[in-house]
Every structure is written in structure tokens, then in C-alpha cells.
PDB file of N, CA and C in Angstrom:
ATOM      1  N   MET A   1     113.122 109.476 106.983  1.00  0.00           N
ATOM      2  CA  MET A   1     113.529 108.797 106.293  1.00  0.00           C
ATOM      3  C   MET A   1     112.922 107.743 104.978  1.00  0.00           C
ATOM      4  N   THR A   2     112.811 108.439 103.995  1.00  0.00           N
ATOM      5  CA  THR A   2     111.548 107.939 103.043  1.00  0.00           C
ATOM      6  C   THR A   2     111.899 106.185 102.891  1.00  0.00           C
ATOM      7  N   PHE A   3     110.929 105.911 102.545  1.00  0.00           N
ATOM      8  CA  PHE A   3     111.076 104.471 102.044  1.00  0.00           C
ATOM      9  C   PHE A   3     112.214 103.578 101.037  1.00  0.00           C
ATOM     10  N   ASP A   4     112.264 104.629 100.061  1.00  0.00           N
ATOM     11  CA  ASP A   4     113.515 104.649  99.252  1.00  0.00           C
ATOM     12  C   ASP A   4     115.107 104.683  99.517  1.00  0.00           C
ATOM     13  N   ASP A   5     114.851 105.473 100.760  1.00  0.00           N
ATOM     14  CA  ASP A   5     116.205 105.907 101.474  1.00  0.00           C
ATOM     15  C   ASP A   5     116.598 104.122 102.213  1.00  0.00           C
ATOM     16  N   GLU A   6     115.249 104.420 103.126  1.00  0.00           N
ATOM     17  CA  GLU A   6     115.386 102.947 103.640  1.00  0.00           C
ATOM     18  C   GLU A   6     115.705 101.337 102.903  1.00  0.00           C
ATOM     19  N   LEU A   7     115.235 101.316 101.678  1.00  0.00           N
ATOM     20  CA  LEU A   7     115.863 100.661 101.183  1.00  0.00           C
ATOM     21  C   LEU A   7     117.110 100.348 100.901  1.00  0.00           C
ATOM     22  N   PHE A   8     117.033 101.668 100.436  1.00  0.00           N
ATOM     23  CA  PHE A   8     119.269 101.423 100.081  1.00  0.00           C
ATOM     24  C   PHE A   8     119.616 101.174 101.487  1.00  0.00           C
ATOM     25  N   THR A   9     119.129 101.987 102.400  1.00  0.00           N
ATOM     26  CA  THR A   9     120.610 101.713 103.486  1.00  0.00           C
ATOM     27  C   THR A   9     120.515 100.073 104.140  1.00  0.00           C
ATOM     28  N   LEU A  10     119.178  99.487 103.778  1.00  0.00           N
ATOM     29  CA  LEU A  10     118.897  97.765 103.974  1.00  0.00           C
ATOM     30  C   LEU A  10     119.715  96.997 103.090  1.00  0.00           C
ATOM     31  N   ILE A  11     119.747  97.375 102.122  1.00  0.00           N
ATOM     32  CA  ILE A  11     120.518  96.592 100.967  1.00  0.00           C
ATOM     33  C   ILE A  11     122.097  97.048 101.306  1.00  0.00           C
ATOM     34  N   SER A  12     122.318  98.242 101.975  1.00  0.00           N
ATOM     35  CA  SER A  12     123.638  98.390 101.457  1.00  0.00           C
ATOM     36  C   SER A  12     124.354  97.570 102.766  1.00  0.00           C
ATOM     37  N   HIS A  13     123.255  97.299 103.906  1.00  0.00           N
ATOM     38  CA  HIS A  13     123.570  96.626 104.980  1.00  0.00           C
ATOM     39  C   HIS A  13     123.832  94.987 104.536  1.00  0.00           C
ATOM     40  N   LEU A  14     122.949  94.252 104.017  1.00  0.00           N
ATOM     41  CA  LEU A  14     122.695  93.361 103.139  1.00  0.00           C
ATOM     42  C   LEU A  14     124.264  92.703 102.185  1.00  0.00           C
ATOM     43  N   TRP A  15     124.268  93.494 101.622  1.00  0.00           N
ATOM     44  CA  TRP A  15     125.544  93.732 100.398  1.00  0.00           C
ATOM     45  C   TRP A  15     126.375  95.028 100.845  1.00  0.00           C
ATOM     46  N   PRO A  16     127.070  95.098 101.720  1.00  0.00           N
ATOM     47  CA  PRO A  16     128.331  95.873 101.842  1.00  0.00           C
ATOM     48  C   PRO A  16     128.933  96.816 101.258  1.00  0.00           C
ATOM     49  N   HIS A  17     128.848  96.156  99.794  1.00  0.00           N
ATOM     50  CA  HIS A  17     129.833  96.278  99.092  1.00  0.00           C
ATOM     51  C   HIS A  17     128.631  97.006  97.505  1.00  0.00           C
ATOM     52  N   THR A  18     127.929  97.684  98.460  1.00  0.00           N
ATOM     53  CA  THR A  18     126.443  98.423  97.272  1.00  0.00           C
ATOM     54  C   THR A  18     127.140  99.793  97.149  1.00  0.00           C
ATOM     55  N   SER A  19     127.212  99.938  95.688  1.00  0.00           N
ATOM     56  CA  SER A  19     127.594 101.680  95.707  1.00  0.00           C
ATOM     57  C   SER A  19     125.832 101.538  94.616  1.00  0.00           C
ATOM     58  N   VAL A  20     125.842 103.197  94.472  1.00  0.00           N
ATOM     59  CA  VAL A  20     124.416 103.606  94.230  1.00  0.00           C
ATOM     60  C   VAL A  20     124.346 102.844  92.583  1.00  0.00           C
ATOM     61  N   ARG A  21     125.236 102.268  91.667  1.00  0.00           N
ATOM     62  CA  ARG A  21     125.706 102.126  90.770  1.00  0.00           C
ATOM     63  C   ARG A  21     124.901 100.251  90.646  1.00  0.00           C
ATOM     64  N   SER A  22     125.663  99.908  91.958  1.00  0.00           N
ATOM     65  CA  SER A  22     125.109  98.641  91.555  1.00  0.00           C
ATOM     66  C   SER A  22     123.530  98.182  92.385  1.00  0.00           C
ATOM     67  N   PHE A  23     123.285  99.139  92.858  1.00  0.00           N
ATOM     68  CA  PHE A  23     121.892  99.287  93.385  1.00  0.00           C
ATOM     69  C   PHE A  23     120.873  99.224  92.479  1.00  0.00           C
ATOM     70  N   SER A  24     121.411 100.375  91.499  1.00  0.00           N
ATOM     71  CA  SER A  24     120.416 100.837  90.077  1.00  0.00           C
ATOM     72  C   SER A  24     120.322  99.234  89.391  1.00  0.00           C
ATOM     73  N   ARG A  25     121.615  98.343  89.511  1.00  0.00           N
ATOM     74  CA  ARG A  25     121.838  97.427  88.672  1.00  0.00           C
ATOM     75  C   ARG A  25     120.543  96.183  89.260  1.00  0.00           C
ATOM     76  N   ALA A  26     120.484  96.139  90.494  1.00  0.00           N
ATOM     77  CA  ALA A  26     119.589  95.048  90.976  1.00  0.00           C
ATOM     78  C   ALA A  26     118.295  95.794  91.391  1.00  0.00           C
ATOM     79  N   LEU A  27     118.178  96.927  90.966  1.00  0.00           N
ATOM     80  CA  LEU A  27     116.461  97.122  91.027  1.00  0.00           C
ATOM     81  C   LEU A  27     116.249  96.697  89.107  1.00  0.00           C
ATOM     82  N   GLY A  28     117.050  96.076  88.303  1.00  0.00           N
ATOM     83  CA  GLY A  28     116.912  95.934  86.774  1.00  0.00           C
ATOM     84  C   GLY A  28     117.135  97.047  86.405  1.00  0.00           C
ATOM     85  N   ARG A  29     117.165  98.387  86.513  1.00  0.00           N
ATOM     86  CA  ARG A  29     117.775  99.548  85.915  1.00  0.00           C
ATOM     87  C   ARG A  29     119.127  99.618  85.510  1.00  0.00           C
ATOM     88  N   SER A  30     119.339 101.061  84.392  1.00  0.00           N
ATOM     89  CA  SER A  30     120.928 101.546  84.267  1.00  0.00           C
ATOM     90  C   SER A  30     121.369 101.881  85.570  1.00  0.00           C
ATOM     91  N   ALA A  31     122.668 101.937  85.590  1.00  0.00           N
ATOM     92  CA  ALA A  31     123.411 102.210  86.421  1.00  0.00           C
ATOM     93  C   ALA A  31     123.477 103.496  87.245  1.00  0.00           C
ATOM     94  N   GLY A  32     122.841 104.219  86.184  1.00  0.00           N
ATOM     95  CA  GLY A  32     122.144 105.394  87.090  1.00  0.00           C
ATOM     96  C   GLY A  32     121.169 106.070  86.933  1.00  0.00           C
ATOM     97  N   TYR A  33     120.215 104.518  87.501  1.00  0.00           N
ATOM     98  CA  TYR A  33     118.702 104.933  87.722  1.00  0.00           C
ATOM     99  C   TYR A  33     118.681 105.394  88.903  1.00  0.00           C
ATOM    100  N   TRP A  34     119.310 105.185  90.099  1.00  0.00           N
ATOM    101  CA  TRP A  34     118.821 105.652  91.494  1.00  0.00           C
ATOM    102  C   TRP A  34     119.298 107.077  91.740  1.00  0.00           C
ATOM    103  N   SER A  35     120.062 107.364  90.812  1.00  0.00           N
ATOM    104  CA  SER A  35     121.162 108.955  91.241  1.00  0.00           C
ATOM    105  C   SER A  35     119.750 109.639  90.661  1.00  0.00           C
ATOM    106  N   SER A  36     119.609 109.050  89.339  1.00  0.00           N
ATOM    107  CA  SER A  36     118.158 109.810  88.415  1.00  0.00           C
ATOM    108  C   SER A  36     117.026 110.422  89.443  1.00  0.00           C
ATOM    109  N   ILE A  37     116.719 108.794  89.511  1.00  0.00           N
ATOM    110  CA  ILE A  37     115.482 109.639  90.412  1.00  0.00           C
ATOM    111  C   ILE A  37     115.255 110.010  91.434  1.00  0.00           C
ATOM    112  N   LYS A  38     116.674 110.107  92.415  1.00  0.00           N
ATOM    113  CA  LYS A  38     116.818 111.138  93.769  1.00  0.00           C
ATOM    114  C   LYS A  38     117.001 112.152  93.172  1.00  0.00           C
ATOM    115  N   ALA A  39     117.854 112.947  91.728  1.00  0.00           N
ATOM    116  CA  ALA A  39     117.598 114.312  91.320  1.00  0.00           C
ATOM    117  C   ALA A  39     116.802 114.707  90.877  1.00  0.00           C
ATOM    118  N   GLN A  40     115.699 113.626  90.720  1.00  0.00           N
ATOM    119  CA  GLN A  40     114.056 113.913  90.303  1.00  0.00           C
ATOM    120  C   GLN A  40     113.116 114.011  91.325  1.00  0.00           C
ATOM    121  N   LYS A  41     113.322 113.455  92.234  1.00  0.00           N
ATOM    122  CA  LYS A  41     112.373 113.318  94.045  1.00  0.00           C
ATOM    123  C   LYS A  41     111.953 112.546  93.472  1.00  0.00           C
ATOM    124  N   LEU A  42     111.775 111.220  92.277  1.00  0.00           N
ATOM    125  CA  LEU A  42     110.766 110.788  91.971  1.00  0.00           C
ATOM    126  C   LEU A  42     111.182 109.121  93.086  1.00  0.00           C
ATOM    127  N   PRO A  43     110.137 108.216  93.275  1.00  0.00           N
ATOM    128  CA  PRO A  43     110.297 106.805  94.126  1.00  0.00           C
ATOM    129  C   PRO A  43     110.722 106.002  92.975  1.00  0.00           C
ATOM    130  N   ILE A  44     110.946 104.831  93.721  1.00  0.00           N
ATOM    131  CA  ILE A  44     111.214 103.782  92.625  1.00  0.00           C
ATOM    132  C   ILE A  44     110.186 103.548  92.466  1.00  0.00           C
ATOM    133  N   SER A  45     110.389 102.645  91.080  1.00  0.00           N
ATOM    134  CA  SER A  45     108.897 102.301  90.323  1.00  0.00           C
ATOM    135  C   SER A  45     108.594 101.288  90.996  1.00  0.00           C
ATOM    136  N   SER A  46     107.226 100.705  90.923  1.00  0.00           N
ATOM    137  CA  SER A  46     106.925  99.377  91.318  1.00  0.00           C
ATOM    138  C   SER A  46     107.589  97.968  90.461  1.00  0.00           C
ATOM    139  N   LYS A  47     107.887  98.800  89.322  1.00  0.00           N
ATOM    140  CA  LYS A  47     108.703  97.450  88.407  1.00  0.00           C
ATOM    141  C   LYS A  47     109.974  97.164  88.851  1.00  0.00           C
ATOM    142  N   ALA A  48     110.946  98.227  89.159  1.00  0.00           N
ATOM    143  CA  ALA A  48     111.940  98.076  89.867  1.00  0.00           C
ATOM    144  C   ALA A  48     112.081  97.289  91.529  1.00  0.00           C
ATOM    145  N   LEU A  49     111.038  97.763  91.952  1.00  0.00           N
ATOM    146  CA  LEU A  49     110.801  96.876  93.261  1.00  0.00           C
ATOM    147  C   LEU A  49     110.648  95.412  93.082  1.00  0.00           C
ATOM    148  N   MET A  50     109.960  95.275  92.109  1.00  0.00           N
ATOM    149  CA  MET A  50     109.489  93.706  91.730  1.00  0.00           C
ATOM    150  C   MET A  50     111.164  92.991  91.092  1.00  0.00           C
ATOM    151  N   ASN A  51     111.677  93.691  90.885  1.00  0.00           N
ATOM    152  CA  ASN A  51     113.082  93.295  89.872  1.00  0.00           C
ATOM    153  C   ASN A  51     113.995  92.898  91.264  1.00  0.00           C
ATOM    154  N   LEU A  52     113.924  94.113  92.228  1.00  0.00           N
ATOM    155  CA  LEU A  52     114.349  93.478  93.201  1.00  0.00           C
ATOM    156  C   LEU A  52     114.338  92.614  94.253  1.00  0.00           C
ATOM    157  N   SER A  53     113.232  92.382  94.527  1.00  0.00           N
ATOM    158  CA  SER A  53     112.366  91.201  95.239  1.00  0.00           C
ATOM    159  C   SER A  53     112.485  89.937  94.444  1.00  0.00           C
ATOM    160  N   THR A  54     112.842  89.808  93.086  1.00  0.00           N
ATOM    161  CA  THR A  54     113.015  88.538  92.741  1.00  0.00           C
ATOM    162  C   THR A  54     114.481  88.653  92.719  1.00  0.00           C
ATOM    163  N   LEU A  55     115.369  89.195  92.535  1.00  0.00           N
ATOM    164  CA  LEU A  55     116.840  88.945  92.847  1.00  0.00           C
ATOM    165  C   LEU A  55     117.033  88.593  94.144  1.00  0.00           C
ATOM    166  N   LEU A  56     116.463  88.916  94.849  1.00  0.00           N
ATOM    167  CA  LEU A  56     116.170  88.556  96.709  1.00  0.00           C
ATOM    168  C   LEU A  56     116.255  87.192  96.466  1.00  0.00           C
ATOM    169  N   GLU A  57     115.077  86.992  96.297  1.00  0.00           N
ATOM    170  CA  GLU A  57     114.410  85.227  96.000  1.00  0.00           C
ATOM    171  C   GLU A  57     115.372  84.544  95.417  1.00  0.00           C
ATOM    172  N   GLN A  58     116.542  84.783  94.383  1.00  0.00           N
ATOM    173  CA  GLN A  58     117.363  84.045  93.574  1.00  0.00           C
ATOM    174  C   GLN A  58     118.382  84.318  94.550  1.00  0.00           C
ATOM    175  N   ARG A  59     118.794  85.019  94.988  1.00  0.00           N
ATOM    176  CA  ARG A  59     119.890  84.957  96.182  1.00  0.00           C
ATOM    177  C   ARG A  59     119.548  84.087  97.647  1.00  0.00           C
ATOM    178  N   MET A  60     118.332  84.035  97.746  1.00  0.00           N
ATOM    179  CA  MET A  60     117.638  83.332  99.157  1.00  0.00           C
ATOM    180  C   MET A  60     118.104  81.702  98.593  1.00  0.00           C
ATOM    181  N   ILE A  61     117.806  81.372  97.355  1.00  0.00           N
ATOM    182  CA  ILE A  61     118.326  79.674  97.024  1.00  0.00           C
ATOM    183  C   ILE A  61     119.561  79.291  97.180  1.00  0.00           C
ATOM    184  N   THR A  62     120.466  80.708  97.302  1.00  0.00           N
ATOM    185  CA  THR A  62     122.216  79.643  97.050  1.00  0.00           C
ATOM    186  C   THR A  62     122.643  79.923  98.830  1.00  0.00           C
ATOM    187  N   GLU A  63     122.105  80.874  98.953  1.00  0.00           N
ATOM    188  CA  GLU A  63     122.575  81.755 100.428  1.00  0.00           C
ATOM    189  C   GLU A  63     122.786  80.110 101.351  1.00  0.00           C
ATOM    190  N   LYS A  64     123.803  80.364 102.133  1.00  0.00           N
ATOM    191  CA  LYS A  64     123.823  79.401 103.402  1.00  0.00           C
ATOM    192  C   LYS A  64     123.695  79.814 104.435  1.00  0.00           C
ATOM    193  N   TYR A  65     123.541  81.274 104.970  1.00  0.00           N
ATOM    194  CA  TYR A  65     123.019  81.562 106.088  1.00  0.00           C
ATOM    195  C   TYR A  65     122.112  81.966 106.206  1.00  0.00           C
ATOM    196  N   ASP A  66     121.406  81.277 107.505  1.00  0.00           N
ATOM    197  CA  ASP A  66     119.884  81.488 107.653  1.00  0.00           C
ATOM    198  C   ASP A  66     119.447  83.052 108.389  1.00  0.00           C
ATOM    199  N   ALA A  67     120.897  83.610 108.564  1.00  0.00           N
ATOM    200  CA  ALA A  67     120.589  84.856 109.310  1.00  0.00           C
ATOM    201  C   ALA A  67     120.446  85.936 107.856  1.00  0.00           C
ATOM    202  N   THR A  68     121.583  85.825 107.328  1.00  0.00           N
ATOM    203  CA  THR A  68     121.005  86.275 105.813  1.00  0.00           C
ATOM    204  C   THR A  68     119.808  86.486 104.958  1.00  0.00           C
ATOM    205  N   LYS A  69     119.516  84.988 104.959  1.00  0.00           N
ATOM    206  CA  LYS A  69     118.182  84.563 104.300  1.00  0.00           C
ATOM    207  C   LYS A  69     116.602  85.349 105.169  1.00  0.00           C
ATOM    208  N   LEU A  70     117.076  85.490 106.221  1.00  0.00           N
ATOM    209  CA  LEU A  70     116.035  86.511 106.958  1.00  0.00           C
ATOM    210  C   LEU A  70     115.829  87.960 106.957  1.00  0.00           C
ATOM    211  N   LYS A  71     117.168  88.185 106.438  1.00  0.00           N
ATOM    212  CA  LYS A  71     117.464  89.644 106.332  1.00  0.00           C
ATOM    213  C   LYS A  71     116.843  90.191 104.752  1.00  0.00           C
ATOM    214  N   MET A  72     117.195  89.226 104.047  1.00  0.00           N
ATOM    215  CA  MET A  72     116.722  89.168 102.466  1.00  0.00           C
ATOM    216  C   MET A  72     115.026  88.978 102.587  1.00  0.00           C
ATOM    217  N   ARG A  73     114.002  88.168 103.357  1.00  0.00           N
ATOM    218  CA  ARG A  73     112.788  88.203 103.450  1.00  0.00           C
ATOM    219  C   ARG A  73     112.167  89.369 104.288  1.00  0.00           C
ATOM    220  N   THR A  74     112.860  89.954 104.646  1.00  0.00           N
ATOM    221  CA  THR A  74     112.569  91.062 105.672  1.00  0.00           C
ATOM    222  C   THR A  74     112.216  92.103 104.589  1.00  0.00           C
ATOM    223  N   ILE A  75     113.427  92.447 104.042  1.00  0.00           N
ATOM    224  CA  ILE A  75     113.549  93.540 102.935  1.00  0.00           C
ATOM    225  C   ILE A  75     112.536  93.319 102.017  1.00  0.00           C
ATOM    226  N   GLN A  76     112.372  91.376 101.311  1.00  0.00           N
ATOM    227  CA  GLN A  76     110.833  91.312 100.291  1.00  0.00           C
ATOM    228  C   GLN A  76     109.781  91.797 101.179  1.00  0.00           C
ATOM    229  N   THR A  77     109.112  91.349 102.208  1.00  0.00           N
ATOM    230  CA  THR A  77     108.471  92.205 103.147  1.00  0.00           C
ATOM    231  C   THR A  77     108.167  93.655 103.234  1.00  0.00           C
ATOM    232  N   LYS A  78     108.836  94.644 103.238  1.00  0.00           N
ATOM    233  CA  LYS A  78     109.015  95.861 103.055  1.00  0.00           C
ATOM    234  C   LYS A  78     108.842  95.983 101.740  1.00  0.00           C
ATOM    235  N   ILE A  79     109.158  95.593 100.743  1.00  0.00           N
ATOM    236  CA  ILE A  79     108.786  95.439  99.625  1.00  0.00           C
ATOM    237  C   ILE A  79     107.337  95.342  98.985  1.00  0.00           C
ATOM    238  N   ASN A  80     107.026  93.962  99.811  1.00  0.00           N
ATOM    239  CA  ASN A  80     105.512  93.457  99.239  1.00  0.00           C
ATOM    240  C   ASN A  80     104.807  94.612  99.687  1.00  0.00           C
ATOM    241  N   CYS A  81     104.481  94.847 101.207  1.00  0.00           N
ATOM    242  CA  CYS A  81     103.889  96.261 101.824  1.00  0.00           C
ATOM    243  C   CYS A  81     103.453  97.449 101.208  1.00  0.00           C
ATOM    244  N   GLU A  82     104.604  97.732 100.492  1.00  0.00           N
ATOM    245  CA  GLU A  82     105.284  99.328  99.859  1.00  0.00           C
ATOM    246  C   GLU A  82     103.963  98.919  98.650  1.00  0.00           C
ATOM    247  N   LEU A  83     104.110  97.988  97.855  1.00  0.00           N
ATOM    248  CA  LEU A  83     103.867  97.863  96.519  1.00  0.00           C
ATOM    249  C   LEU A  83     101.929  97.340  96.745  1.00  0.00           C
ATOM    250  N   ALA A  84     101.678  96.846  98.078  1.00  0.00           N
ATOM    251  CA  ALA A  84     100.231  96.897  98.451  1.00  0.00           C
ATOM    252  C   ALA A  84      99.457  98.366  98.203  1.00  0.00           C
ATOM    253  N   ARG A  85     100.893  98.874  99.369  1.00  0.00           N
ATOM    254  CA  ARG A  85     100.519 100.486  99.755  1.00  0.00           C
ATOM    255  C   ARG A  85      99.866 101.134  98.296  1.00  0.00           C
ATOM    256  N   ARG A  86     101.003 101.028  97.208  1.00  0.00           N
ATOM    257  CA  ARG A  86     100.756 101.646  96.238  1.00  0.00           C
ATOM    258  C   ARG A  86      99.696 101.336  95.389  1.00  0.00           C
ATOM    259  N   PHE A  87      98.909 100.465  95.831  1.00  0.00           N
ATOM    260  CA  PHE A  87      98.432  99.243  94.705  1.00  0.00           C
ATOM    261  C   PHE A  87      97.074 100.283  95.212  1.00  0.00           C
ATOM    262  N   LEU A  88      96.882  99.950  96.711  1.00  0.00           N
ATOM    263  CA  LEU A  88      95.488 100.601  97.235  1.00  0.00           C
ATOM    264  C   LEU A  88      95.261 101.945  96.833  1.00  0.00           C
ATOM    265  N   ALA A  89      96.558 102.675  97.036  1.00  0.00           N
ATOM    266  CA  ALA A  89      96.696 104.007  96.670  1.00  0.00           C
ATOM    267  C   ALA A  89      95.942 104.459  95.325  1.00  0.00           C
ATOM    268  N   GLN A  90      95.990 103.656  94.533  1.00  0.00           N
ATOM    269  CA  GLN A  90      95.613 103.774  93.129  1.00  0.00           C
ATOM    270  C   GLN A  90      94.452 103.606  93.152  1.00  0.00           C
ATOM    271  N   VAL A  91      93.584 102.465  93.562  1.00  0.00           N
ATOM    272  CA  VAL A  91      92.339 102.183  93.399  1.00  0.00           C
ATOM    273  C   VAL A  91      91.448 103.172  94.292  1.00  0.00           C
ATOM    274  N   GLU A  92      91.827 103.357  95.623  1.00  0.00           N
ATOM    275  CA  GLU A  92      90.634 104.112  96.664  1.00  0.00           C
ATOM    276  C   GLU A  92      89.845 104.641  96.007  1.00  0.00           C
ATOM    277  N   ALA A  93      90.419 106.162  95.046  1.00  0.00           N
ATOM    278  CA  ALA A  93      89.429 106.630  93.989  1.00  0.00           C
ATOM    279  C   ALA A  93      88.448 105.969  93.514  1.00  0.00           C
ATOM    280  N   ASP A  94      88.552 104.698  92.912  1.00  0.00           N
ATOM    281  CA  ASP A  94      87.796 103.893  92.130  1.00  0.00           C
ATOM    282  C   ASP A  94      86.909 103.174  93.364  1.00  0.00           C
ATOM    283  N   GLU A  95      85.342 103.639  93.048  1.00  0.00           N
ATOM    284  CA  GLU A  95      84.639 103.068  94.058  1.00  0.00           C
ATOM    285  C   GLU A  95      84.059 101.256  93.557  1.00  0.00           C
ATOM    286  N   GLY A  96      84.048 101.293  92.434  1.00  0.00           N
ATOM    287  CA  GLY A  96      83.524 100.161  91.967  1.00  0.00           C
ATOM    288  C   GLY A  96      84.754  99.395  92.116  1.00  0.00           C
ATOM    289  N   VAL A  97      86.161  99.450  92.085  1.00  0.00           N
ATOM    290  CA  VAL A  97      87.388  98.142  92.380  1.00  0.00           C
ATOM    291  C   VAL A  97      87.068  97.993  93.618  1.00  0.00           C
ATOM    292  N   LEU A  98      87.150  99.312  94.606  1.00  0.00           N
ATOM    293  CA  LEU A  98      87.113  98.445  95.937  1.00  0.00           C
ATOM    294  C   LEU A  98      85.999  97.625  96.511  1.00  0.00           C
ATOM    295  N   GLU A  99      84.759  97.923  95.712  1.00  0.00           N
ATOM    296  CA  GLU A  99      83.632  97.358  95.595  1.00  0.00           C
ATOM    297  C   GLU A  99      84.005  95.785  95.570  1.00  0.00           C
ATOM    298  N   GLU A 100      84.303  95.155  94.178  1.00  0.00           N
ATOM    299  CA  GLU A 100      84.445  94.301  93.415  1.00  0.00           C
ATOM    300  C   GLU A 100      85.868  93.356  94.452  1.00  0.00           C
ATOM    301  N   LEU A 101      86.809  94.657  95.083  1.00  0.00           N
ATOM    302  CA  LEU A 101      87.381  93.891  95.849  1.00  0.00           C
ATOM    303  C   LEU A 101      87.013  93.174  97.579  1.00  0.00           C
ATOM    304  N   GLY A 102      86.128  93.875  97.777  1.00  0.00           N
ATOM    305  CA  GLY A 102      85.596  93.851  99.026  1.00  0.00           C
ATOM    306  C   GLY A 102      84.417  92.079  98.724  1.00  0.00           C
ATOM    307  N   LYS A 103      83.959  92.154  97.468  1.00  0.00           N
ATOM    308  CA  LYS A 103      83.278  90.906  97.266  1.00  0.00           C
ATOM    309  C   LYS A 103      84.037  89.854  97.128  1.00  0.00           C
ATOM    310  N   LEU A 104      85.230  90.064  96.866  1.00  0.00           N
ATOM    311  CA  LEU A 104      86.160  89.021  96.448  1.00  0.00           C
ATOM    312  C   LEU A 104      86.899  88.524  98.247  1.00  0.00           C
ATOM    313  N   ILE A 105      86.831  89.527  98.938  1.00  0.00           N
ATOM    314  CA  ILE A 105      87.479  89.193 100.491  1.00  0.00           C
ATOM    315  C   ILE A 105      86.371  88.271 100.724  1.00  0.00           C
ATOM    316  N   ASP A 106      85.021  88.778 101.009  1.00  0.00           N
ATOM    317  CA  ASP A 106      83.730  88.102 101.440  1.00  0.00           C
ATOM    318  C   ASP A 106      83.639  86.972 101.046  1.00  0.00           C
ATOM    319  N   THR A 107      84.287  86.173  99.405  1.00  0.00           N
ATOM    320  CA  THR A 107      83.524  85.213  98.685  1.00  0.00           C
ATOM    321  C   THR A 107      84.701  84.135  99.515  1.00  0.00           C
ATOM    322  N   ASP A 108      86.217  84.448  99.627  1.00  0.00           N
ATOM    323  CA  ASP A 108      87.003  83.840 100.012  1.00  0.00           C
ATOM    324  C   ASP A 108      86.498  83.209 101.856  1.00  0.00           C
ATOM    325  N   ALA A 109      86.273  84.490 102.648  1.00  0.00           N
ATOM    326  CA  ALA A 109      86.278  84.249 103.602  1.00  0.00           C
ATOM    327  C   ALA A 109      84.844  83.116 104.067  1.00  0.00           C
ATOM    328  N   ARG A 110      84.130  83.293 103.130  1.00  0.00           N
ATOM    329  CA  ARG A 110      83.104  82.373 103.086  1.00  0.00           C
ATOM    330  C   ARG A 110      83.421  80.667 103.066  1.00  0.00           C
ATOM    331  N   SER A 111      84.540  80.706 101.593  1.00  0.00           N
ATOM    332  CA  SER A 111      85.071  79.623 101.225  1.00  0.00           C
ATOM    333  C   SER A 111      85.909  78.830 102.163  1.00  0.00           C
ATOM    334  N   GLY A 112      86.070  79.535 103.328  1.00  0.00           N
ATOM    335  CA  GLY A 112      87.434  79.035 103.904  1.00  0.00           C
ATOM    336  C   GLY A 112      89.008  79.412 103.651  1.00  0.00           C
ATOM    337  N   CYS A 113      88.769  79.919 102.540  1.00  0.00           N
ATOM    338  CA  CYS A 113      90.170  80.453 101.839  1.00  0.00           C
ATOM    339  C   CYS A 113      90.513  82.220 102.437  1.00  0.00           C
ATOM    340  N   THR A 114      91.912  82.255 102.833  1.00  0.00           N
ATOM    341  CA  THR A 114      92.411  82.798 103.630  1.00  0.00           C
ATOM    342  C   THR A 114      93.848  83.536 102.493  1.00  0.00           C
ATOM    343  N   SER A 115      93.323  85.089 102.132  1.00  0.00           N
ATOM    344  CA  SER A 115      94.241  85.526 101.252  1.00  0.00           C
ATOM    345  C   SER A 115      94.039  86.793 101.530  1.00  0.00           C
ATOM    346  N   SER A 116      95.350  87.685 100.753  1.00  0.00           N
ATOM    347  CA  SER A 116      95.462  89.392 100.593  1.00  0.00           C
ATOM    348  C   SER A 116      94.215  89.438  99.546  1.00  0.00           C
ATOM    349  N   LEU A 117      94.799  90.923  99.941  1.00  0.00           N
ATOM    350  CA  LEU A 117      93.450  91.425  98.841  1.00  0.00           C
ATOM    351  C   LEU A 117      94.587  91.002  97.032  1.00  0.00           C
ATOM    352  N   PRO A 118      93.697  91.058  96.309  1.00  0.00           N
ATOM    353  CA  PRO A 118      94.351  90.758  94.661  1.00  0.00           C
ATOM    354  C   PRO A 118      95.254  91.549  94.469  1.00  0.00           C
ATOM    355  N   MET A 119      96.721  91.188  94.030  1.00  0.00           N
ATOM    356  CA  MET A 119      97.388  92.231  93.271  1.00  0.00           C
ATOM    357  C   MET A 119      97.826  92.464  92.038  1.00  0.00           C
ATOM    358  N   PRO A 120      97.860  93.401  91.393  1.00  0.00           N
ATOM    359  CA  PRO A 120      98.042  93.459  89.666  1.00  0.00           C
ATOM    360  C   PRO A 120      99.655  92.527  89.448  1.00  0.00           C
ATOM    361  N   PHE A 121     100.349  92.011  90.088  1.00  0.00           N
ATOM    362  CA  PHE A 121     101.366  91.288  89.652  1.00  0.00           C
ATOM    363  C   PHE A 121     101.595  89.822  90.762  1.00  0.00           C
ATOM    364  N   ILE A 122     102.912  89.127  89.792  1.00  0.00           N
ATOM    365  CA  ILE A 122     102.779  87.666  90.697  1.00  0.00           C
ATOM    366  C   ILE A 122     104.284  87.641  91.113  1.00  0.00           C
ATOM    367  N   PHE A 123     104.210  87.613  92.249  1.00  0.00           N
ATOM    368  CA  PHE A 123     105.969  86.508  93.085  1.00  0.00           C
ATOM    369  C   PHE A 123     106.037  85.276  92.698  1.00  0.00           C
ATOM    370  N   THR A 124     106.777  84.895  92.169  1.00  0.00           N
ATOM    371  CA  THR A 124     107.351  83.661  92.251  1.00  0.00           C
ATOM    372  C   THR A 124     108.331  83.197  92.989  1.00  0.00           C
ATOM    373  N   SER A 125     108.737  81.562  93.606  1.00  0.00           N
ATOM    374  CA  SER A 125     109.500  81.121  94.319  1.00  0.00           C
ATOM    375  C   SER A 125     110.404  79.854  93.310  1.00  0.00           C
ATOM    376  N   TYR A 126     111.254  79.795  93.820  1.00  0.00           N
ATOM    377  CA  TYR A 126     111.957  78.998  92.293  1.00  0.00           C
ATOM    378  C   TYR A 126     112.377  77.612  93.501  1.00  0.00           C
TER     379      TYR A 126
END
């Protein structure tokens, strides 16, 4: 099962009335987005994944059940890992970028600050 299919399954379990159209809208895209990318065998765009993560964050604020919040957080973690994997795949070919990332990690370790690799986007909490 691909990441995209697994994500659709997880969202369908989280929100049982999820359709391909509502999933597309949750990704911040038009109603036909999911069907279109599946037909073309394309992955969900990184921007669409960030939109879904933001939606999950917003819904966690109003969710009253801790079990549902945990499921949402688990899905967000999967999205974060996929975005990080994509980012690393993009920069692996550029040795200069990897060298700079290594310097940042070393600097953070010496200063006592712990963090993951820098990402080209920002997640916010409300």
C-alpha cells in the first residue's frame, strides 16, 4: 500500500463519511483532485499534505475525545515523516546542501539545542 492510499484509509477511519471528493477538499484542493492524481499515478503534493495537516490541527482544537485527538496526531506524524522524506530526497543530490545541514546539526548539538533537520515549511499550532 502506498503512502497516499494509507493516508486515505486513515482519514476514512477517522471520519467515516469521507468520500474521494471530501478527501480532496480536506487536502485543500478541488473535489476531483484525488481521482485525478490516482488516475495519473501521481503522489499527493507536499502543499496538499501541509493543508491536511493544518486541517487536522484545527480540528484537534475542537475535538472533545482524546482517542480521536491521538488518531489525528498519529496521522500528522505520518504526514511529517513523509514531508521530511521528500525533502531529504530532494537535497541528497546536492552535497552543498547536505554539508550545510550537517553544520546546522553540529551547531545545535554544541549549543545544547535539539532539533530535527530544517524544513522548508512551518507548522503552527493554534
